[in-house]
Protein backbone atom coordinates (compact mmCIF):
# COMPACT_ATOMS: atom_id res chain seq x y z
CA UNK A 1 -12.07 -10.93 -28.03
CA UNK A 2 -15.84 -10.80 -28.98
CA UNK A 3 -16.56 -11.88 -25.48
CA UNK A 4 -14.34 -9.35 -23.55
CA UNK A 5 -16.23 -6.48 -25.95
CA UNK A 6 -19.26 -7.93 -24.73
CA UNK A 7 -18.38 -7.87 -21.16
CA UNK A 8 -16.96 -4.21 -21.66
CA UNK A 9 -20.60 -3.29 -23.03
CA UNK A 10 -22.09 -4.85 -20.22
CA UNK A 11 -19.94 -2.85 -17.67
CA UNK A 12 -20.95 0.58 -19.56
CA UNK A 13 -24.37 -0.59 -18.80
CA UNK A 14 -24.07 -0.89 -15.37
CA UNK A 15 -21.69 2.48 -14.63
CA UNK A 16 -24.21 4.57 -16.71
CA UNK A 17 -27.68 2.82 -15.36
CA UNK A 18 -26.84 1.82 -11.64
CA UNK A 19 -24.39 4.98 -10.52
CA UNK A 20 -23.87 3.47 -7.05
CA UNK A 21 -21.48 1.23 -8.91
CA UNK A 22 -19.29 4.01 -9.46
CA UNK A 23 -18.91 4.61 -5.51
CA UNK A 24 -17.59 1.29 -4.48
CA UNK A 25 -14.83 1.11 -1.98
CA UNK A 26 -16.00 1.66 1.43
CA UNK A 27 -19.13 3.26 0.57
CA UNK A 28 -20.36 -0.51 -0.42
CA UNK A 29 -19.76 -1.73 3.52
CA UNK A 30 -22.30 -1.10 5.80
CA UNK A 31 -21.81 -0.79 9.02
CA UNK A 32 -24.31 -1.19 12.14
CA UNK A 33 -23.20 1.13 15.37
CA UNK A 34 -24.35 1.04 18.93
CA UNK A 35 -25.36 4.40 19.84
CA UNK A 36 -24.65 4.97 23.71
CA UNK A 37 -25.99 7.42 26.37
CA UNK A 38 -23.60 10.58 27.02
CA UNK A 39 -22.14 8.79 29.97
CA UNK A 40 -21.46 5.71 27.26
CA UNK A 41 -22.83 3.52 30.08
CA UNK A 42 -25.98 2.32 28.35
CA UNK A 43 -27.02 0.70 24.95
CA UNK A 44 -30.88 0.01 25.22
CA UNK A 45 -33.85 2.56 26.04
CA UNK A 46 -37.26 2.42 26.37
CA UNK A 47 -37.81 6.26 24.77
CA UNK A 48 -35.82 8.43 22.59
CA UNK A 49 -36.14 11.93 21.36
CA UNK A 50 -34.65 13.23 17.94
CA UNK A 51 -34.34 16.93 17.16
CA UNK A 52 -35.81 18.65 13.72
CA UNK A 53 -38.51 16.00 12.77
CA UNK A 54 -39.89 17.88 10.05
CA UNK A 55 -36.36 16.82 8.45
CA UNK A 56 -37.15 13.26 9.13
CA UNK A 57 -38.74 10.26 7.37
CA UNK A 58 -39.92 7.62 9.98
CA UNK A 59 -41.14 3.88 8.79
CA UNK A 60 -42.14 0.72 10.55
CA UNK A 61 -40.36 -1.68 8.63
CA UNK A 62 -42.20 -4.66 9.71
CA UNK A 63 -45.32 -2.82 7.74
CA UNK A 64 -43.66 -0.47 5.61
CA UNK A 65 -45.75 2.27 7.42
CA UNK A 66 -44.65 5.60 7.12
CA UNK A 67 -45.31 7.97 9.61
CA UNK A 68 -47.02 11.06 8.42
CA UNK A 69 -45.32 14.41 9.59
CA UNK A 70 -46.17 18.24 9.74
CA UNK A 71 -44.22 20.52 8.11
CA UNK A 72 -43.16 22.44 10.95
CA UNK A 73 -42.54 19.26 13.35
CA UNK A 74 -39.77 19.96 15.92
CA UNK A 75 -39.67 16.64 18.48
CA UNK A 76 -39.89 13.17 17.64
CA UNK A 77 -40.33 10.82 20.08
CA UNK A 78 -40.23 6.78 20.30
CA UNK A 79 -41.21 5.07 23.23
CA UNK A 80 -41.64 1.17 23.86
CA UNK A 81 -45.06 0.34 25.48
CA UNK A 82 -46.06 -3.23 25.87
CA UNK A 83 -43.22 -4.57 23.42
CA UNK A 84 -44.46 -2.25 20.78
CA UNK A 85 -43.34 1.30 19.22
CA UNK A 86 -45.50 4.46 19.72
CA UNK A 87 -44.32 7.88 17.93
CA UNK A 88 -44.86 10.84 19.38
CA UNK A 89 -44.74 14.12 17.19
CA UNK A 90 -44.23 17.52 19.48
CA UNK A 91 -46.16 15.14 22.50
CA UNK A 92 -49.19 14.20 20.08
CA UNK A 93 -49.32 10.74 19.66
CA UNK A 94 -49.51 9.91 16.38
CA UNK A 95 -48.57 6.25 15.82
CA UNK A 96 -49.03 3.14 17.75
CA UNK A 97 -48.77 -0.92 17.93
CA UNK A 98 -45.50 -0.88 15.34
CA UNK A 99 -43.76 -3.84 15.70
CA UNK A 100 -40.57 -2.29 14.35
CA UNK A 101 -37.65 -2.07 13.94
CA UNK A 102 -38.66 1.53 13.18
CA UNK A 103 -36.43 3.43 10.98
CA UNK A 104 -35.50 7.25 11.12
CA UNK A 105 -33.91 8.64 8.29
CA UNK A 106 -32.95 12.24 7.45
CA UNK A 107 -33.80 13.91 4.11
CA UNK A 108 -31.09 14.81 2.22
CA UNK A 109 -28.81 16.99 2.91
CA UNK A 110 -29.94 16.75 6.66
CA UNK A 111 -28.16 14.58 9.79
CA UNK A 112 -30.34 12.87 12.65
CA UNK A 113 -30.27 14.72 14.99
CA UNK A 114 -30.09 12.98 18.59
CA UNK A 115 -32.26 15.16 21.38
CA UNK A 116 -29.87 16.21 24.65
CA UNK A 117 -26.90 13.59 23.32
CA UNK A 118 -23.50 15.23 23.33
CA UNK A 119 -20.29 14.46 21.80
CA UNK A 120 -16.92 16.48 22.30
CA UNK A 121 -19.51 18.59 23.72
CA UNK A 122 -21.45 19.29 20.59
CA UNK A 123 -24.78 17.87 19.62
CA UNK A 124 -24.66 14.69 18.13
CA UNK A 125 -25.45 14.32 14.67
CA UNK A 126 -25.49 11.29 12.35
CA UNK A 127 -25.06 10.21 8.93
CA UNK A 128 -26.90 7.42 7.68
CA UNK A 129 -30.20 6.45 9.05
CA UNK A 130 -30.90 5.06 12.78
CA UNK A 131 -32.83 2.10 13.54
CA UNK A 132 -34.72 1.19 16.38
CA UNK A 133 -34.42 -2.37 16.80
CA UNK A 134 -35.85 -4.78 19.94
CA UNK A 135 -33.38 -5.97 22.26
CA UNK A 136 -32.73 -9.75 22.36
CA UNK A 137 -32.03 -9.73 25.62
CA UNK A 138 -34.74 -7.52 27.06
CA UNK A 139 -37.73 -6.96 24.21
CA UNK A 140 -39.43 -4.05 26.54
CA UNK A 141 -36.18 -2.20 25.35
CA UNK A 142 -34.82 -1.36 22.28
CA UNK A 143 -31.16 -0.20 20.44
CA UNK A 144 -30.71 2.48 18.66
CA UNK A 145 -28.53 1.38 15.94
CA UNK A 146 -27.09 4.00 13.20
CA UNK A 147 -26.35 2.16 9.80
CA UNK A 148 -23.90 4.01 7.50
CA UNK A 149 -21.39 3.22 5.06
CA UNK A 150 -17.94 2.17 6.17
CA UNK A 151 -16.44 5.62 4.75
CA UNK A 152 -19.07 8.02 6.96
CA UNK A 153 -18.31 5.54 10.08
CA UNK A 154 -14.11 6.17 9.52
CA UNK A 155 -15.01 10.09 9.36
CA UNK A 156 -16.61 9.56 12.93
CA UNK A 157 -13.95 7.44 14.13
CA UNK A 158 -10.28 8.44 13.10
CA UNK A 159 -10.19 12.22 14.76
CA UNK A 160 -11.65 11.04 17.66
CA UNK A 161 -9.38 8.02 17.85
CA UNK A 162 -6.33 9.97 17.30
CA UNK A 163 -5.51 13.75 17.36
CA UNK A 164 -5.25 15.35 14.13
CA UNK A 165 -2.04 16.90 14.79
CA UNK A 166 -0.39 13.84 14.33
CA UNK A 167 -0.16 14.18 10.78
CA UNK A 168 -1.54 12.72 7.73
CA UNK A 169 0.47 9.27 7.72
CA UNK A 170 -0.03 8.96 11.44
CA UNK A 171 -3.69 9.48 10.47
CA UNK A 172 -3.95 7.33 7.47
CA UNK A 173 -2.26 4.47 9.55
CA UNK A 174 -5.13 4.90 11.81
CA UNK A 175 -7.68 4.61 9.34
CA UNK A 176 -6.35 1.38 8.11
CA UNK A 177 -6.43 0.33 11.55
CA UNK A 178 -9.71 0.87 12.12
CA UNK A 179 -11.32 -0.20 8.99
CA UNK A 180 -9.82 -3.65 9.77
CA UNK A 181 -11.23 -3.28 13.47
CA UNK A 182 -14.74 -2.17 11.48
CA UNK A 183 -14.57 -5.21 8.90
CA UNK A 184 -13.12 -7.92 11.83
CA UNK A 185 -13.78 -6.91 15.91
CA UNK A 186 -12.19 -9.22 18.04
CA UNK A 187 -15.72 -10.04 19.82
CA UNK A 188 -19.14 -9.20 18.95
CA UNK A 189 -20.59 -8.33 21.90
CA UNK A 190 -24.15 -7.26 21.06
CA UNK A 191 -26.85 -9.21 18.94
CA UNK A 192 -28.53 -5.79 17.61
CA UNK A 193 -25.47 -4.41 16.25
CA UNK A 194 -21.61 -5.15 15.03
CA UNK A 195 -19.62 -2.35 16.72
CA UNK A 196 -20.52 0.22 19.87
CA UNK A 197 -19.51 3.89 19.70
CA UNK A 198 -16.95 3.95 22.57
CA UNK A 199 -13.86 2.88 23.81
CA UNK A 200 -14.81 -0.97 24.44
CA UNK A 201 -15.19 -1.04 20.65
CA UNK A 202 -13.63 2.25 18.45
CA UNK A 203 -14.54 6.01 19.49
CA UNK A 204 -17.24 7.20 17.36
CA UNK A 205 -18.86 10.41 17.51
CA UNK A 206 -20.36 10.83 14.49
CA UNK A 207 -20.59 13.41 11.80
CA UNK A 208 -20.51 16.72 14.29
CA UNK A 209 -16.76 15.95 14.91
CA UNK A 210 -15.48 15.18 11.65
CA UNK A 211 -12.20 17.07 10.38
CA UNK A 212 -10.84 17.89 7.17
CA UNK A 213 -7.29 16.45 7.76
CA UNK A 214 -8.57 12.96 8.77
CA UNK A 215 -11.03 12.73 5.60
CA UNK A 216 -8.04 13.21 3.42
CA UNK A 217 -6.54 10.48 5.13
CA UNK A 218 -9.84 7.90 4.78
CA UNK A 219 -9.98 8.95 0.95
CA UNK A 220 -5.77 8.55 0.37
CA UNK A 221 -6.53 4.94 1.82
CA UNK A 222 -10.13 3.91 0.38
CA UNK A 223 -10.39 0.47 -0.13
CA UNK A 224 -7.20 -0.54 1.76
CA UNK A 225 -6.76 -3.02 4.77
CA UNK A 226 -4.34 -5.14 6.40
CA UNK A 227 -3.89 -9.09 5.49
CA UNK A 228 -2.32 -11.76 7.14
CA UNK A 229 -0.12 -14.27 6.01
CA UNK A 230 -3.62 -16.46 5.26
CA UNK A 231 -5.27 -13.47 3.06
CA UNK A 232 -7.34 -12.68 5.82
CA UNK A 233 -7.95 -9.34 7.51
CA UNK A 234 -6.07 -8.41 10.54
CA UNK A 235 -7.49 -8.06 14.27
CA UNK A 236 -5.85 -4.15 14.42
CA UNK A 237 -5.59 -3.72 17.70
CA UNK A 238 -3.86 -0.39 18.51
CA UNK A 239 -3.70 1.40 22.03
CA UNK A 240 -2.29 4.80 23.12
CA UNK A 241 0.99 4.67 24.28
CA UNK A 242 3.44 0.82 24.15
CA UNK A 243 5.82 2.50 26.53
CA UNK A 244 8.64 1.58 23.57
CA UNK A 245 7.69 -1.97 23.67
CA UNK A 246 4.37 -3.64 22.44
CA UNK A 247 3.30 -6.79 23.88
CA UNK A 248 2.17 -10.10 22.37
CA UNK A 249 -1.64 -10.85 22.04
CA UNK A 250 -1.74 -13.76 24.26
CA UNK A 251 0.04 -12.01 27.08
CA UNK A 252 -2.83 -9.32 26.71
CA UNK A 253 -6.33 -10.63 26.39
CA UNK A 254 -8.01 -14.09 27.19
CA UNK A 255 -9.60 -16.16 24.35
CA UNK A 256 -13.12 -14.64 23.65
CA UNK A 257 -14.85 -17.71 23.44
CA UNK A 258 -13.18 -20.39 26.10
CA UNK A 259 -11.76 -17.48 28.61
CA UNK A 260 -8.25 -19.07 28.58
CA UNK A 261 -5.44 -17.24 29.77
CA UNK A 262 -2.94 -16.68 28.26
CA UNK A 263 -4.80 -17.03 25.02
CA UNK A 264 -3.41 -18.36 21.51
CA UNK A 265 -1.30 -16.18 19.84
CA UNK A 266 -1.71 -14.21 16.71
CA UNK A 267 1.18 -14.08 14.79
CA UNK A 268 1.14 -10.54 13.59
CA UNK A 269 0.40 -9.44 16.97
CA UNK A 270 3.72 -10.45 18.92
CA UNK A 271 6.07 -8.08 20.97
CA UNK A 272 7.58 -5.64 18.74
CA UNK A 273 10.47 -3.38 20.62
CA UNK A 274 11.16 0.30 18.93
CA UNK A 275 14.78 -0.82 19.25
CA UNK A 276 15.91 -3.78 18.19
CA UNK A 277 18.08 -3.79 20.84
CA UNK A 278 16.02 -3.88 23.67
CA UNK A 279 16.09 -7.25 25.26
CA UNK A 280 12.85 -8.93 26.25
CA UNK A 281 11.56 -7.87 29.73
CA UNK A 282 10.38 -10.87 31.04
CA UNK A 283 12.30 -10.58 33.93
CA UNK A 284 11.74 -8.44 36.99
CA UNK A 285 15.86 -7.30 36.33
CA UNK A 286 15.39 -6.07 33.14
CA UNK A 287 11.58 -4.38 33.17
CA UNK A 288 12.75 -2.50 36.13
CA UNK A 289 15.99 -1.47 33.97
CA UNK A 290 13.46 -0.19 31.13
CA UNK A 291 11.01 1.15 33.22
CA UNK A 292 12.66 3.38 35.59
CA UNK A 293 14.28 4.88 32.85
CA UNK A 294 13.75 6.68 29.58
CA UNK A 295 15.27 5.39 26.69
CA UNK A 296 14.33 6.74 22.96
CA UNK A 297 11.11 5.22 21.50
CA UNK A 298 8.69 5.75 19.08
CA UNK A 299 6.36 7.16 21.96
CA UNK A 300 8.22 8.71 24.35
CA UNK A 301 6.68 11.97 23.33
CA UNK A 302 3.59 10.92 25.22
CA UNK A 303 2.70 11.85 28.72
CA UNK A 304 2.30 8.18 29.65
CA UNK A 305 5.42 7.23 28.18
CA UNK A 306 6.79 6.62 31.93
CA UNK A 307 4.48 7.51 35.09
CA UNK A 308 4.24 6.45 38.97
CA UNK A 309 1.96 5.77 41.17
CA UNK A 310 2.15 6.26 45.27
CA UNK A 311 0.03 4.14 47.91
CA UNK A 312 0.65 4.00 51.67
CA UNK A 313 0.05 0.37 53.00
CA UNK A 314 -2.95 1.78 55.01
CA UNK A 315 -4.33 3.51 51.41
CA UNK A 316 -3.38 -0.16 49.69
CA UNK A 317 -5.43 -2.14 51.91
CA UNK A 318 -8.61 -0.25 51.48
CA UNK A 319 -8.20 -0.07 47.75
CA UNK A 320 -7.27 -3.59 47.32
CA UNK A 321 -10.02 -4.92 49.86
CA UNK A 322 -13.13 -3.21 47.67
CA UNK A 323 -11.18 -3.95 44.10
CA UNK A 324 -10.42 -7.38 44.12
CA UNK A 325 -14.39 -8.35 45.31
CA UNK A 326 -15.01 -6.44 42.11
CA UNK A 327 -12.08 -8.21 39.94
CA UNK A 328 -13.25 -11.56 41.48
CA UNK A 329 -16.40 -11.78 39.49
CA UNK A 330 -14.20 -11.90 36.10
CA UNK A 331 -12.94 -15.27 37.18
CA UNK A 332 -9.33 -14.08 36.75
CA UNK A 333 -8.81 -13.43 40.82
CA UNK A 334 -8.08 -16.82 42.76
CA UNK A 335 -9.28 -17.44 45.04
CA UNK A 336 -12.08 -15.07 44.71
CA UNK A 337 -12.37 -12.62 47.12
CA UNK A 338 -16.22 -12.33 48.12
CA UNK A 339 -16.27 -9.78 51.48
CA UNK A 340 -13.96 -7.13 51.61
CA UNK A 341 -13.64 -7.85 55.04
CA UNK A 342 -11.83 -10.93 54.62
CA UNK A 343 -8.87 -9.18 52.67
CA UNK A 344 -6.80 -8.82 55.86
CA UNK A 345 -3.53 -7.34 56.34
CA UNK A 346 -1.24 -6.50 53.30
CA UNK A 347 2.53 -8.68 53.45
CA UNK A 348 3.36 -8.25 49.84
CA UNK A 349 2.87 -7.80 46.30
CA UNK A 350 4.98 -9.45 43.25
CA UNK A 351 4.77 -10.11 39.68
CA UNK A 352 4.99 -13.73 39.40
CA UNK A 353 4.86 -13.70 34.95
CA UNK A 354 5.80 -10.94 32.41
CA UNK A 355 5.21 -10.61 29.01
CA UNK A 356 7.77 -10.03 26.66
CA UNK A 357 7.11 -6.03 27.42
CA UNK A 358 7.79 -6.47 30.97
CA UNK A 359 3.81 -6.81 31.09
CA UNK A 360 2.75 -8.14 34.32
CA UNK A 361 0.30 -11.24 33.10
CA UNK A 362 0.18 -12.49 36.81
CA UNK A 363 0.83 -10.94 40.15
CA UNK A 364 0.75 -12.41 43.74
CA UNK A 365 -1.04 -10.23 46.33
CA UNK A 366 -0.06 -11.84 50.14
CA UNK A 367 -2.12 -10.92 53.33
CA UNK A 368 -2.03 -12.49 56.53
CA UNK A 369 -5.55 -14.35 55.32
CA UNK A 370 -4.79 -15.31 52.14
CA UNK A 371 -2.68 -15.30 49.04
CA UNK A 372 -4.51 -14.29 45.71
CA UNK A 373 -3.58 -14.54 42.14
CA UNK A 374 -4.57 -12.00 39.73
CA UNK A 375 -4.27 -12.62 36.09
CA UNK A 376 -4.34 -10.64 32.44
CA UNK A 377 -3.51 -7.02 32.42
CA UNK A 378 -6.94 -5.04 32.36
CA UNK A 379 -7.91 -6.91 35.91
CA UNK A 380 -4.49 -6.22 37.35
CA UNK A 381 -4.85 -2.64 36.07
CA UNK A 382 -8.11 -2.27 37.48
CA UNK A 383 -7.32 -4.03 41.04
CA UNK A 384 -4.74 -0.78 41.51
CA UNK A 385 -6.88 1.87 41.77
CA UNK A 386 -6.11 5.80 42.68
CA UNK A 387 -8.42 8.21 43.71
CA UNK A 388 -10.95 5.77 41.54
CA UNK A 389 -8.68 5.56 38.36
CA UNK A 390 -6.95 2.43 37.35
CA UNK A 391 -3.49 2.30 36.33
CA UNK A 392 -2.42 3.14 33.10
CA UNK A 393 -0.86 -0.11 31.84
CA UNK A 394 0.02 -3.37 33.57
CA UNK A 395 3.49 -2.61 32.36
CA UNK A 396 5.39 -1.51 36.16
CA UNK A 397 7.66 -2.47 38.81
CA UNK A 398 7.16 -2.54 42.10
CA UNK A 399 9.26 -0.65 45.12
CA UNK A 400 8.14 -1.37 48.67
CA UNK A 401 9.91 1.93 50.65
CA UNK A 402 9.90 1.05 54.19
CA UNK A 403 9.40 3.55 56.26
CA UNK A 404 7.86 5.06 59.23
CA UNK A 405 4.87 4.94 56.75
CA UNK A 406 5.30 2.23 54.55
CA UNK A 407 4.61 3.27 50.68
CA UNK A 408 4.30 1.27 47.49
CA UNK A 409 5.39 2.70 44.42
CA UNK A 410 4.80 1.68 40.87
CA UNK A 411 7.05 2.89 38.41
CA UNK A 412 5.79 1.68 34.63
CA UNK A 413 5.33 2.99 30.96
CA UNK A 414 2.55 3.09 27.97
CA UNK A 415 -1.26 3.57 28.48
CA UNK A 416 -3.66 1.04 27.59
CA UNK A 417 -3.55 -2.89 26.40
CA UNK A 418 -0.36 -2.13 24.41
CA UNK A 419 -1.09 -4.77 22.01
CA UNK A 420 -0.72 -3.75 17.85
CA UNK A 421 -0.24 0.02 16.98
CA UNK A 422 0.74 2.75 19.42
CA UNK A 423 -0.98 5.84 18.47
CA UNK A 424 1.66 8.12 20.21
CA UNK A 425 4.29 6.18 18.36
CA UNK A 426 2.61 6.24 14.96
CA UNK A 427 2.46 10.02 15.33
CA UNK A 428 6.30 10.36 16.03
CA UNK A 429 6.93 8.08 13.59
CA UNK A 430 5.03 10.17 11.05
CA UNK A 431 6.86 13.21 12.13
CA UNK A 432 10.15 11.23 11.50
CA UNK A 433 9.02 10.57 7.70
CA UNK A 434 7.75 7.06 7.92
CA UNK A 435 5.11 6.59 5.80
CA UNK A 436 1.56 4.87 6.68
CA UNK A 437 2.46 1.63 5.63
CA UNK A 438 5.80 1.65 7.15
CA UNK A 439 3.94 2.45 10.75
CA UNK A 440 1.39 -0.55 10.23
CA UNK A 441 4.42 -2.75 9.27
CA UNK A 442 6.42 -1.89 12.15
CA UNK A 443 3.68 -2.52 14.38
CA UNK A 444 2.01 -5.64 13.00
CA UNK A 445 4.50 -7.86 11.38
CA UNK A 446 4.29 -9.93 8.38
CA UNK A 447 1.42 -8.12 7.42
CA UNK A 448 0.47 -6.96 3.35
CA UNK A 449 -1.84 -3.99 2.70
CA UNK A 450 -4.23 -5.13 0.36
CA UNK A 451 -8.14 -4.58 -0.77
CA UNK A 452 -10.57 -6.58 1.14
CA UNK A 453 -10.88 -10.22 -0.61
CA UNK A 454 -13.88 -10.42 -2.33
CA UNK A 455 -16.12 -13.29 -4.30
CA UNK A 456 -16.62 -13.45 -7.19
CA UNK A 457 -19.43 -16.09 -8.66
CA UNK A 458 -19.84 -17.46 -12.25
CA UNK A 459 -23.17 -15.82 -12.47
CA UNK A 460 -22.73 -12.89 -14.36
CA UNK A 461 -22.54 -10.31 -12.37
CA UNK A 462 -20.01 -8.06 -12.00
CA UNK A 463 -18.48 -7.24 -8.65
CA UNK A 464 -16.84 -3.70 -8.77
CA UNK A 465 -14.51 -2.06 -6.08
CA UNK A 466 -12.62 1.24 -5.72
CA UNK A 467 -9.10 1.64 -3.96
CA UNK A 468 -6.62 4.13 -3.52
CA UNK A 469 -2.85 3.55 -4.82
CA UNK A 470 0.02 6.22 -4.44
CA UNK A 471 2.81 4.23 -5.69
CA UNK A 472 1.59 2.67 -8.47
CA UNK A 473 2.34 -0.65 -7.93
CA UNK A 474 0.00 -3.49 -7.31
CA UNK A 475 -0.56 -7.14 -8.11
CA UNK A 476 -3.67 -8.95 -8.07
CA UNK A 477 -4.41 -12.31 -6.11
CA UNK A 478 -6.72 -14.43 -7.86
CA UNK A 479 -7.27 -17.90 -5.27
CA UNK A 480 -9.21 -20.29 -7.54
CA UNK A 481 -10.14 -23.36 -5.93
CA UNK A 482 -13.17 -24.40 -8.60
CA UNK A 483 -10.26 -24.13 -11.26
CA UNK A 484 -12.45 -21.43 -13.07
CA UNK A 485 -10.53 -20.85 -16.42
CA UNK A 486 -10.76 -17.44 -17.11
CA UNK A 487 -11.34 -14.00 -15.37
CA UNK A 488 -12.16 -10.94 -16.85
CA UNK A 489 -11.34 -7.52 -15.40
CA UNK A 490 -11.80 -3.73 -16.75
CA UNK A 491 -9.21 -1.64 -14.70
CA UNK A 492 -8.96 2.11 -15.50
CA UNK A 493 -10.63 1.46 -18.63
CA UNK A 494 -8.22 -1.19 -19.65
CA UNK A 495 -9.57 -4.41 -20.55
CA UNK A 496 -7.73 -7.60 -19.23
CA UNK A 497 -8.60 -11.18 -20.22
CA UNK A 498 -6.32 -13.07 -17.36
CA UNK A 499 -5.81 -17.37 -17.95
CA UNK A 500 -5.84 -18.46 -14.45
CA UNK A 501 -4.13 -21.26 -13.10
CA UNK A 502 -5.15 -24.06 -10.83
CA UNK A 503 -4.67 -22.58 -7.25
CA UNK A 504 -3.62 -19.00 -7.25
CA UNK A 505 -2.49 -16.37 -10.05
CA UNK A 506 -0.39 -13.55 -9.40
CA UNK A 507 -0.74 -10.70 -12.31
CA UNK A 508 1.42 -7.29 -11.85
CA UNK A 509 -1.06 -5.21 -12.97
CA UNK A 510 1.11 -1.51 -11.97
CA UNK A 511 0.90 -0.49 -15.37
CA UNK A 512 -2.79 -0.25 -15.45
CA UNK A 513 -2.86 1.93 -12.20
CA UNK A 514 -3.27 5.62 -11.54
CA UNK A 515 -1.88 7.60 -8.60
CA UNK A 516 -5.03 8.14 -6.71
CA UNK A 517 -8.46 6.48 -7.16
CA UNK A 518 -8.23 3.31 -9.34
CA UNK A 519 -11.24 1.51 -10.07
CA UNK A 520 -11.87 -2.20 -11.16
CA UNK A 521 -14.15 -4.45 -12.14
CA UNK A 522 -14.56 -8.37 -12.45
CA UNK A 523 -16.54 -10.80 -14.35
CA UNK A 524 -16.83 -14.40 -15.42
CA UNK A 525 -18.63 -15.10 -18.22
CA UNK A 526 -21.30 -17.61 -17.99
CA UNK A 527 -19.88 -18.90 -21.56
CA UNK A 528 -16.92 -20.42 -19.73
CA UNK A 529 -18.63 -21.49 -16.53
CA UNK A 530 -22.30 -22.47 -16.66
CA UNK A 531 -22.25 -23.44 -13.21
CA UNK A 532 -23.09 -20.41 -11.07
CA UNK A 533 -21.79 -22.06 -7.86
CA UNK A 534 -18.27 -21.67 -8.95
CA UNK A 535 -16.42 -18.30 -7.40
CA UNK A 536 -13.05 -17.37 -6.70
CA UNK A 537 -11.55 -14.54 -4.40
CA UNK A 538 -9.70 -11.62 -5.50
CA UNK A 539 -7.53 -8.85 -3.87
CA UNK A 540 -5.14 -6.15 -5.08
CA UNK A 541 -1.95 -6.27 -3.32
CA UNK A 542 -0.61 -3.06 -2.80
CA UNK A 543 2.16 -3.46 -0.33
CA UNK A 544 3.50 -6.89 0.06
CA UNK A 545 4.44 -8.54 3.40
CA UNK A 546 7.93 -8.11 4.85
CA UNK A 547 9.85 -10.57 7.07
CA UNK A 548 9.45 -10.67 10.29
């Protein structure tokens, strides 16, 4: 009892003198987001301007030098010259030969405003701070990196990834998926930052697009993510519309490292029909029956639930002769088409292989000069463009109408890659009374909802977390490979001393929970373990996995 009381005194000291501990949860995780231009086609710059310079603080992080600013300063301009930074205030040079990164911080109560950058037609504003850091590939240019907390990042993501009209439970499902993706993105395509601000990662538009209802969804899922069967954060892929049937990961994405396609499967990203009576759609007959009709499904209110596109034979020849050249560079067109004049006359198009949702994963395009095989859904979609716009999805069937002017008709369903959560499906499920956890466990099979696993070391350091819980039911999972004897916790002011088992200890903590925000502190006393290299992993499970 003496030891745990001393622990409580230590916790009180931490809470009183280090207030940041009281703001854990999403606030304790930093996110680095690359900011692009208005058209989202450039992430590297030679100069950038900021509004309201008088409300900013600028520092060269390499030297700690703080650039002096006038009280009435309006425009801050940063340029890259001779691989060094220069700073201009209202056109006047005030600092040169800065190594960088250059930090641009707003004063308390203000945002960083990037001049002439628009998001949703509004002036772009950013919480946190901006870091201007050299490109690893071209040191004459720099990236604009917004560094902020995960919570504030989500505030700029959720209402831009999902219409707020879909309702609170759908927004909460979107929040958890977006939180997962921020923690575990599919690939890290950039050296300077973790996530981009466009559809290539997650749409992030900053502080000027935040919304009260999506903010509530973020608060009411604070600290909660989805974990797989190995207690790791899942890759929470999602798309606009699945068309009534999501696809398995391996049939939509290539391996990020090897580019192999199909890739390895991911157990929680398996194909999911909205109605369990829907058959597998791997055959052309079943796919045609499904995508030329409108069975009731969760995302059947989407404007892209069913769609059709038509080309005359001449139109499609012109399109394919160009798109096959462009898509040959991806490595998923065999043989490659180098010159559009070598395309020839179109003879036939047919699906060679389909995924379980009917998604075409291998397509044959036959001409009088060659037979091309195209793989992967995004490559296939980009081959067939109408007015410069790619197909909404690769879930389609082809009808050849042999008339005076032959026509190729594509009848399909869905919008996007179709893996994981369907956003329109989540919206309808919420309107039908499904809760956010039910939505997530429909689309991501076999997952649990929990706090982000943390490591606690036997070094006298307190680890704290905040999480939101509605059901007042939860279990503490303690993974203990180092055979630590005892863990101390304080959960909502309740002191607990937990005797640990060798490998995994599960502890029901439901009776100590509050409905809403919960605060938990973890601590391993050095009196129990004086080897400071020992550690264990902990998370709180708020919703257990459902088999399937």
